[in-house]
């Protein structure tokens, strides 16, 4: 056990090698889904002028205080009207939603409280000063930061960027990540299984996990066989266009380990045993002329997924310019006894419900159905071999 590498050290080594993606300027239509790489401030106030929140009549509140009253209509003010208008005492202006409030007016009477008159209008009810008016700067003041660097650009964020007049914005592009599965036993889902085969699931799972982490994950074709040369050919075809590569399988101690056989002689990927369960065999390095990070994960589905959560997801956050470190945890009470091998940090699948966490049935590294039923990883430290029911435990929500 003394030769096992600590989990925290393995993550630290990965984060020390990975670099944030370089920012680039993107047109607003192409910025959706990226992370903002600059603080964006408002060059003008929003709204930039007092305007009507409703269709109705711009009035002086004191003129309608004794409603019902009938008043002459002097103007029509439409949204986009660029003429500066004034409402004199004893008069009103018909006004549309978004139209500039005329000088002298201090309230808007909704059309529903009137007879809708065009030349003269009957106002049935009084309104207080300020009624149905959107004040200058009530949303955003001049110079206010409307979005901070690191913000994920969804639809509302794209909206405010346009709202403050931005046509281009500096972003960190979503890292493009290729996912490769290895193993001659793997068959594509939807095809018949031959004796000794299983359907390949890791690449689908990991590509989805990459997308959930805010990057652009995709499968680099069907599973590669146990031929190291085939693996290298598939890998080389990806390196010029991707920002990272994730492989699963082919990194253990036995024979027919194509990832290890192909990459170990190159000296740029380090294969190690990490003090964790599941997922002890791990590899990481930089490959190709562009120093593309490659994460070589174990092939058992649960091992592969846990490894992604612990090591790959933090690296993808760093590549996107976000704070990166160990996954955040919460405290919970375990509803059942759990055990762990000495000297290894265990990540047991569980169901987190409020402050309680229940281990799922089936903790084997191959038991994908149990993983699918879980929503948390229970952490059992290296120096602990058993936690009784009712123990407090650190949990990584999934």
Protein backbone atom coordinates (compact mmCIF):
# COMPACT_ATOMS: atom_id res chain seq x y z
CA UNK A 1 0.00 0.00 0.00
CA UNK A 2 2.99 2.31 0.50
CA UNK A 3 3.37 2.56 -3.27
CA UNK A 4 -0.14 3.92 -3.82
CA UNK A 5 -0.38 7.57 -4.75
CA UNK A 6 -2.72 9.73 -2.62
CA UNK A 7 -5.91 10.90 -4.34
CA UNK A 8 -5.26 14.55 -3.51
CA UNK A 9 -1.74 14.38 -4.95
CA UNK A 10 -2.98 12.88 -8.22
CA UNK A 11 -5.51 15.70 -8.61
CA UNK A 12 -2.90 18.31 -7.74
CA UNK A 13 -0.52 16.96 -10.39
CA UNK A 14 -3.26 17.08 -13.01
CA UNK A 15 -4.29 20.65 -12.18
CA UNK A 16 -0.64 21.76 -12.24
CA UNK A 17 -0.32 20.49 -15.83
CA UNK A 18 -3.61 21.75 -17.27
CA UNK A 19 -3.97 25.32 -18.51
CA UNK A 20 -7.07 27.48 -19.04
CA UNK A 21 -8.21 27.83 -22.63
CA UNK A 22 -7.16 31.11 -24.25
CA UNK A 23 -10.00 33.67 -24.41
CA UNK A 24 -11.35 34.68 -27.79
CA UNK A 25 -13.77 37.31 -29.05
CA UNK A 26 -17.07 35.85 -30.20
CA UNK A 27 -20.11 37.32 -31.88
CA UNK A 28 -23.09 37.33 -29.58
CA UNK A 29 -24.93 34.70 -31.62
CA UNK A 30 -21.99 32.31 -31.17
CA UNK A 31 -21.29 32.99 -27.50
CA UNK A 32 -24.13 30.88 -26.11
CA UNK A 33 -22.84 28.11 -23.84
CA UNK A 34 -19.38 29.63 -23.41
CA UNK A 35 -17.94 31.12 -20.24
CA UNK A 36 -17.46 34.87 -20.07
CA UNK A 37 -13.78 35.87 -19.90
CA UNK A 38 -14.32 39.54 -18.95
CA UNK A 39 -16.43 41.67 -16.67
CA UNK A 40 -19.14 43.43 -18.69
CA UNK A 41 -20.33 46.86 -17.57
CA UNK A 42 -23.25 48.96 -18.74
CA UNK A 43 -22.26 52.01 -20.83
CA UNK A 44 -25.66 53.59 -20.19
CA UNK A 45 -28.40 53.21 -17.61
CA UNK A 46 -31.16 50.69 -18.20
CA UNK A 47 -33.76 51.89 -18.87
CA UNK A 48 -31.97 54.90 -20.37
CA UNK A 49 -35.04 57.13 -19.84
CA UNK A 50 -38.25 57.18 -17.79
CA UNK A 51 -40.85 55.22 -19.73
CA UNK A 52 -44.33 53.81 -19.45
CA UNK A 53 -44.80 50.29 -18.10
CA UNK A 54 -48.31 50.04 -19.61
CA UNK A 55 -50.52 51.31 -22.40
CA UNK A 56 -52.51 54.22 -20.98
CA UNK A 57 -52.33 57.95 -20.35
CA UNK A 58 -49.43 60.03 -19.04
CA UNK A 59 -50.85 62.39 -16.42
CA UNK A 60 -50.07 64.68 -13.53
CA UNK A 61 -51.24 62.66 -10.51
CA UNK A 62 -52.77 65.77 -8.92
CA UNK A 63 -55.01 66.23 -12.01
CA UNK A 64 -56.67 62.83 -11.49
CA UNK A 65 -56.76 62.87 -7.68
CA UNK A 66 -60.52 63.58 -7.71
CA UNK A 67 -61.41 60.99 -10.37
CA UNK A 68 -63.61 60.35 -12.17
CA UNK A 69 -62.47 63.27 -14.31
CA UNK A 70 -62.51 64.10 -18.03
CA UNK A 71 -59.36 65.61 -19.51
CA UNK A 72 -58.23 66.61 -23.02
CA UNK A 73 -55.65 64.44 -24.80
CA UNK A 74 -52.87 66.54 -26.38
CA UNK A 75 -50.46 63.95 -27.74
CA UNK A 76 -49.93 60.32 -28.75
CA UNK A 77 -46.56 58.96 -27.56
CA UNK A 78 -45.47 55.68 -29.14
CA UNK A 79 -42.53 53.45 -28.21
CA UNK A 80 -39.52 54.76 -30.08
CA UNK A 81 -40.87 58.33 -30.22
CA UNK A 82 -37.84 60.63 -30.33
CA UNK A 83 -39.66 63.96 -29.90
CA UNK A 84 -39.41 65.48 -26.43
CA UNK A 85 -42.98 66.13 -25.27
CA UNK A 86 -44.57 67.84 -22.28
CA UNK A 87 -47.84 67.35 -20.42
CA UNK A 88 -49.20 70.66 -19.17
CA UNK A 89 -51.43 70.93 -16.09
CA UNK A 90 -54.97 69.80 -16.83
CA UNK A 91 -53.99 67.75 -19.90
CA UNK A 92 -52.93 64.16 -20.61
CA UNK A 93 -51.01 62.32 -23.35
CA UNK A 94 -51.95 58.91 -24.66
CA UNK A 95 -48.87 56.69 -24.19
CA UNK A 96 -47.80 53.17 -25.19
CA UNK A 97 -45.73 50.65 -23.29
CA UNK A 98 -42.02 51.55 -23.48
CA UNK A 99 -42.64 55.08 -24.74
CA UNK A 100 -40.68 57.97 -23.13
CA UNK A 101 -42.58 59.70 -20.34
CA UNK A 102 -43.33 63.31 -21.31
CA UNK A 103 -41.94 66.08 -19.12
CA UNK A 104 -44.43 67.24 -16.52
CA UNK A 105 -46.15 63.84 -16.24
CA UNK A 106 -45.51 61.89 -13.04
CA UNK A 107 -47.85 58.90 -13.44
CA UNK A 108 -49.45 56.64 -16.04
CA UNK A 109 -53.12 55.67 -15.83
CA UNK A 110 -53.65 52.22 -17.40
CA UNK A 111 -56.08 52.27 -20.29
CA UNK A 112 -58.24 49.79 -18.36
CA UNK A 113 -59.09 52.58 -15.88
CA UNK A 114 -60.37 54.87 -18.64
CA UNK A 115 -62.89 54.96 -21.47
CA UNK A 116 -60.03 54.83 -24.00
CA UNK A 117 -60.80 58.25 -25.44
CA UNK A 118 -58.61 59.74 -28.17
CA UNK A 119 -59.41 63.49 -28.03
CA UNK A 120 -60.83 63.52 -24.51
CA UNK A 121 -60.60 60.72 -21.99
CA UNK A 122 -62.67 59.82 -18.95
CA UNK A 123 -60.40 58.64 -16.16
CA UNK A 124 -62.41 56.54 -13.72
CA UNK A 125 -59.88 56.16 -10.89
CA UNK A 126 -56.98 58.13 -9.43
CA UNK A 127 -53.41 56.80 -9.39
CA UNK A 128 -50.47 57.82 -7.20
CA UNK A 129 -47.40 59.62 -8.49
CA UNK A 130 -44.97 57.13 -10.03
CA UNK A 131 -47.68 54.69 -11.06
CA UNK A 132 -46.71 52.40 -14.01
CA UNK A 133 -43.44 54.24 -14.66
CA UNK A 134 -40.11 52.53 -15.29
CA UNK A 135 -37.49 54.86 -13.90
CA UNK A 136 -34.13 55.58 -15.53
CA UNK A 137 -31.51 53.13 -14.24
CA UNK A 138 -33.89 51.08 -12.09
CA UNK A 139 -32.51 47.91 -13.74
CA UNK A 140 -28.87 48.86 -14.30
CA UNK A 141 -26.89 52.01 -13.51
CA UNK A 142 -24.15 53.48 -15.68
CA UNK A 143 -20.93 51.50 -15.08
CA UNK A 144 -22.65 48.67 -13.21
CA UNK A 145 -21.16 45.20 -13.75
CA UNK A 146 -23.98 43.26 -15.36
CA UNK A 147 -22.03 39.99 -15.81
CA UNK A 148 -18.79 38.87 -14.19
CA UNK A 149 -15.99 36.86 -15.77
CA UNK A 150 -16.69 33.15 -15.37
CA UNK A 151 -20.44 33.47 -15.94
CA UNK A 152 -21.95 30.74 -18.12
CA UNK A 153 -23.73 32.40 -21.02
CA UNK A 154 -27.28 31.10 -21.21
CA UNK A 155 -30.26 32.77 -22.83
CA UNK A 156 -30.84 35.45 -20.13
CA UNK A 157 -27.13 36.33 -20.11
CA UNK A 158 -27.08 36.70 -23.89
CA UNK A 159 -30.10 38.96 -23.47
CA UNK A 160 -28.42 41.34 -21.04
CA UNK A 161 -25.27 41.46 -23.20
CA UNK A 162 -27.40 42.64 -26.11
CA UNK A 163 -29.30 44.93 -23.75
CA UNK A 164 -26.14 46.83 -22.84
CA UNK A 165 -25.19 47.14 -26.50
CA UNK A 166 -22.53 44.45 -26.82
CA UNK A 167 -22.14 42.92 -30.28
CA UNK A 168 -19.03 40.89 -29.40
CA UNK A 169 -17.83 39.47 -26.11
CA UNK A 170 -14.65 37.85 -24.80
CA UNK A 171 -15.27 34.21 -23.87
CA UNK A 172 -13.46 31.02 -23.02
CA UNK A 173 -14.66 28.48 -25.57
CA UNK A 174 -16.11 25.20 -24.37
CA UNK A 175 -13.24 22.66 -24.33
CA UNK A 176 -13.65 20.06 -27.06
CA UNK A 177 -13.11 16.63 -25.53
CA UNK A 178 -12.81 13.33 -27.40
CA UNK A 179 -13.81 10.15 -25.56
CA UNK A 180 -12.36 6.76 -26.58
CA UNK A 181 -13.27 3.36 -25.15
CA UNK A 182 -10.98 0.38 -25.55
CA UNK A 183 -11.60 -3.35 -25.38
CA UNK A 184 -12.11 -6.15 -27.89
CA UNK A 185 -15.06 -7.35 -25.82
CA UNK A 186 -17.07 -4.20 -26.50
CA UNK A 187 -19.98 -4.14 -28.95
CA UNK A 188 -21.94 -1.10 -30.09
CA UNK A 189 -25.36 -0.70 -28.45
CA UNK A 190 -28.05 -1.81 -30.86
CA UNK A 191 -25.97 -4.61 -32.34
CA UNK A 192 -26.27 -8.32 -31.44
CA UNK A 193 -23.99 -9.59 -28.69
CA UNK A 194 -21.65 -12.46 -29.44
CA UNK A 195 -20.39 -14.81 -26.78
CA UNK A 196 -17.91 -12.96 -24.52
CA UNK A 197 -19.09 -9.49 -25.52
CA UNK A 198 -20.80 -6.67 -23.62
CA UNK A 199 -22.35 -3.48 -24.95
CA UNK A 200 -20.06 -0.49 -24.72
CA UNK A 201 -21.37 2.15 -22.31
CA UNK A 202 -18.40 4.13 -21.00
CA UNK A 203 -17.97 6.47 -23.95
CA UNK A 204 -21.66 7.40 -23.89
CA UNK A 205 -21.52 8.00 -20.14
CA UNK A 206 -18.29 9.98 -20.20
CA UNK A 207 -19.25 12.14 -23.19
CA UNK A 208 -22.48 13.02 -21.37
CA UNK A 209 -20.50 13.78 -18.19
CA UNK A 210 -18.24 16.12 -20.18
CA UNK A 211 -21.26 17.99 -21.50
CA UNK A 212 -22.72 18.22 -18.00
CA UNK A 213 -19.40 19.77 -16.94
CA UNK A 214 -19.87 22.56 -19.49
CA UNK A 215 -17.54 21.24 -22.18
CA UNK A 216 -18.19 19.77 -25.63
CA UNK A 217 -17.85 16.01 -25.29
CA UNK A 218 -18.14 13.54 -28.14
CA UNK A 219 -17.40 9.88 -28.85
CA UNK A 220 -14.42 9.37 -31.14
CA UNK A 221 -16.10 6.52 -32.99
CA UNK A 222 -16.72 2.94 -31.90
CA UNK A 223 -14.66 1.19 -29.25
CA UNK A 224 -11.04 0.45 -30.15
CA UNK A 225 -9.83 -3.14 -29.93
CA UNK A 226 -6.90 -4.30 -27.79
CA UNK A 227 -4.43 -3.48 -30.57
CA UNK A 228 -2.10 -0.64 -29.38
CA UNK A 229 -1.42 0.45 -32.96
CA UNK A 230 -5.13 0.84 -33.66
CA UNK A 231 -5.47 2.88 -30.49
CA UNK A 232 -2.60 5.19 -31.49
CA UNK A 233 -4.07 5.71 -34.95
CA UNK A 234 -7.45 6.71 -33.51
CA UNK A 235 -5.80 8.97 -30.92
CA UNK A 236 -3.55 10.69 -33.48
CA UNK A 237 -6.57 11.47 -35.66
CA UNK A 238 -8.08 13.51 -32.80
CA UNK A 239 -5.12 15.43 -31.43
CA UNK A 240 -5.11 18.30 -33.92
CA UNK A 241 -8.69 19.35 -33.18
CA UNK A 242 -9.40 18.63 -29.50
CA UNK A 243 -8.53 20.26 -26.20
CA UNK A 244 -8.49 17.04 -24.16
CA UNK A 245 -8.88 13.29 -24.54
CA UNK A 246 -10.47 10.79 -22.17
CA UNK A 247 -9.90 7.07 -22.58
CA UNK A 248 -11.43 4.21 -20.64
CA UNK A 249 -9.91 0.77 -20.27
CA UNK A 250 -6.51 -0.57 -21.17
CA UNK A 251 -4.61 0.77 -18.15
CA UNK A 252 -4.56 -2.12 -15.66
CA UNK A 253 -1.73 -4.48 -14.66
CA UNK A 254 -2.55 -7.46 -16.90
CA UNK A 255 -2.09 -8.32 -20.57
CA UNK A 256 -4.01 -6.72 -23.44
CA UNK A 257 -3.80 -3.18 -22.08
CA UNK A 258 -3.60 -1.15 -25.34
CA UNK A 259 -3.61 2.34 -23.82
CA UNK A 260 -0.74 1.56 -21.48
CA UNK A 261 1.19 -0.39 -24.12
CA UNK A 262 0.81 2.42 -26.65
CA UNK A 263 1.54 5.44 -24.44
CA UNK A 264 3.95 4.23 -21.74
CA UNK A 265 6.96 3.96 -24.13
CA UNK A 266 6.47 7.59 -25.20
CA UNK A 267 7.28 8.76 -21.65
CA UNK A 268 4.72 11.56 -21.60
CA UNK A 269 1.87 9.75 -19.85
CA UNK A 270 2.41 8.49 -16.33
CA UNK A 271 0.53 5.38 -15.23
CA UNK A 272 0.10 5.03 -11.48
CA UNK A 273 -1.85 3.25 -8.78
CA UNK A 274 -3.91 5.72 -6.76
CA UNK A 275 -5.06 4.97 -3.22
CA UNK A 276 -8.76 4.82 -4.03
CA UNK A 277 -11.57 2.37 -4.59
CA UNK A 278 -12.94 2.07 -7.18
CA UNK A 279 -10.48 3.36 -9.79
CA UNK A 280 -7.00 2.49 -8.56
CA UNK A 281 -5.24 2.35 -11.99
CA UNK A 282 -4.92 5.87 -13.37
CA UNK A 283 -2.95 7.60 -16.08
CA UNK A 284 -2.46 11.22 -17.09
CA UNK A 285 -0.15 13.18 -19.35
CA UNK A 286 0.19 15.58 -22.27
CA UNK A 287 0.35 14.20 -25.81
CA UNK A 288 0.87 15.49 -29.33
CA UNK A 289 2.51 18.65 -30.61
CA UNK A 290 -0.13 20.75 -28.85
CA UNK A 291 0.37 19.11 -25.43
CA UNK A 292 -3.22 17.89 -25.27
CA UNK A 293 -4.15 16.58 -21.79
CA UNK A 294 -5.10 12.90 -21.83
CA UNK A 295 -6.92 11.21 -18.95
CA UNK A 296 -6.60 7.43 -19.13
CA UNK A 297 -9.29 6.04 -16.87
CA UNK A 298 -9.97 2.44 -15.83
CA UNK A 299 -12.48 0.43 -17.83
CA UNK A 300 -15.00 -0.68 -15.23
CA UNK A 301 -17.93 1.74 -15.59
CA UNK A 302 -18.15 2.82 -11.95
CA UNK A 303 -14.37 3.23 -11.72
CA UNK A 304 -14.43 5.31 -14.88
CA UNK A 305 -17.23 7.57 -13.67
CA UNK A 306 -15.78 8.09 -10.18
CA UNK A 307 -12.43 8.94 -11.76
CA UNK A 308 -14.15 11.51 -13.97
CA UNK A 309 -15.79 13.17 -10.97
CA UNK A 310 -12.55 13.30 -8.97
CA UNK A 311 -10.01 14.20 -11.64
CA UNK A 312 -11.44 15.13 -15.03
CA UNK A 313 -14.26 17.44 -14.00
CA UNK A 314 -11.96 19.70 -11.91
CA UNK A 315 -9.52 19.85 -14.85
CA UNK A 316 -12.32 20.85 -17.23
CA UNK A 317 -13.31 23.62 -14.81
CA UNK A 318 -9.75 24.91 -14.80
CA UNK A 319 -9.66 24.83 -18.62
CA UNK A 320 -12.78 27.00 -18.60
CA UNK A 321 -11.18 29.55 -16.29
CA UNK A 322 -13.18 28.49 -13.23
CA UNK A 323 -12.02 27.71 -9.71
CA UNK A 324 -10.82 24.12 -9.65
CA UNK A 325 -10.18 21.74 -6.80
CA UNK A 326 -11.62 18.65 -5.16
CA UNK A 327 -15.38 18.14 -5.61
CA UNK A 328 -17.49 19.94 -3.03
CA UNK A 329 -18.89 17.78 -0.25
CA UNK A 330 -21.67 17.90 2.29
CA UNK A 331 -22.10 16.13 5.63
CA UNK A 332 -24.67 13.36 5.98
CA UNK A 333 -25.53 10.51 8.32
CA UNK A 334 -25.25 7.02 6.89
CA UNK A 335 -28.32 4.83 7.38
CA UNK A 336 -26.33 1.60 7.17
CA UNK A 337 -22.92 0.21 8.07
CA UNK A 338 -20.26 0.60 5.36
CA UNK A 339 -16.79 -0.88 5.02
CA UNK A 340 -13.63 0.00 3.12
CA UNK A 341 -10.25 -1.64 2.45
CA UNK A 342 -7.34 -0.30 4.53
CA UNK A 343 -5.12 2.30 2.93
CA UNK A 344 -7.57 3.34 0.22
CA UNK A 345 -10.13 6.13 0.07
CA UNK A 346 -13.46 4.58 -0.88
CA UNK A 347 -16.18 6.28 -2.87
CA UNK A 348 -19.35 4.34 -2.20
CA UNK A 349 -22.49 4.98 -4.19
CA UNK A 350 -25.44 6.20 -2.17
CA UNK A 351 -28.78 7.96 -2.22
CA UNK A 352 -28.67 11.33 -0.47
CA UNK A 353 -31.99 12.47 0.97
CA UNK A 354 -31.79 15.55 3.15
CA UNK A 355 -29.21 14.87 5.83
CA UNK A 356 -29.28 11.09 5.37
CA UNK A 357 -27.38 8.94 2.89
CA UNK A 358 -28.20 5.30 2.15
CA UNK A 359 -25.66 3.03 0.41
CA UNK A 360 -27.07 1.42 -2.73
CA UNK A 361 -27.12 -2.34 -3.08
CA UNK A 362 -24.27 -3.35 -5.35
CA UNK A 363 -20.96 -1.57 -4.76
CA UNK A 364 -18.96 -3.46 -7.39
CA UNK A 365 -17.03 -1.36 -9.89
CA UNK A 366 -18.89 -3.09 -12.72
CA UNK A 367 -22.39 -2.47 -11.34
CA UNK A 368 -23.65 0.30 -13.59
CA UNK A 369 -27.31 -0.08 -12.57
CA UNK A 370 -26.40 0.67 -8.96
CA UNK A 371 -24.51 3.76 -10.09
CA UNK A 372 -27.52 4.91 -12.09
CA UNK A 373 -29.65 4.60 -8.94
CA UNK A 374 -27.26 6.73 -6.87
CA UNK A 375 -27.11 10.49 -6.52
CA UNK A 376 -24.07 10.77 -4.28
CA UNK A 377 -20.63 9.33 -3.47
CA UNK A 378 -19.94 8.53 0.19
CA UNK A 379 -16.29 9.08 1.13
CA UNK A 380 -14.61 6.65 3.53
CA UNK A 381 -11.10 7.92 4.41
CA UNK A 382 -7.96 5.85 3.90
CA UNK A 383 -7.47 5.18 7.62
CA UNK A 384 -11.05 4.02 8.19
CA UNK A 385 -12.16 0.46 7.42
CA UNK A 386 -15.68 0.63 8.82
CA UNK A 387 -18.36 3.23 9.56
CA UNK A 388 -21.26 2.04 11.73
CA UNK A 389 -24.83 3.01 10.96
CA UNK A 390 -25.47 6.54 12.18
CA UNK A 391 -21.95 7.77 11.44
CA UNK A 392 -21.29 11.18 9.96
CA UNK A 393 -19.78 10.94 6.47
CA UNK A 394 -18.58 13.34 3.78
CA UNK A 395 -20.67 13.03 0.62
CA UNK A 396 -20.13 14.28 -2.94
CA UNK A 397 -23.55 15.11 -4.44
CA UNK A 398 -23.81 13.96 -8.05
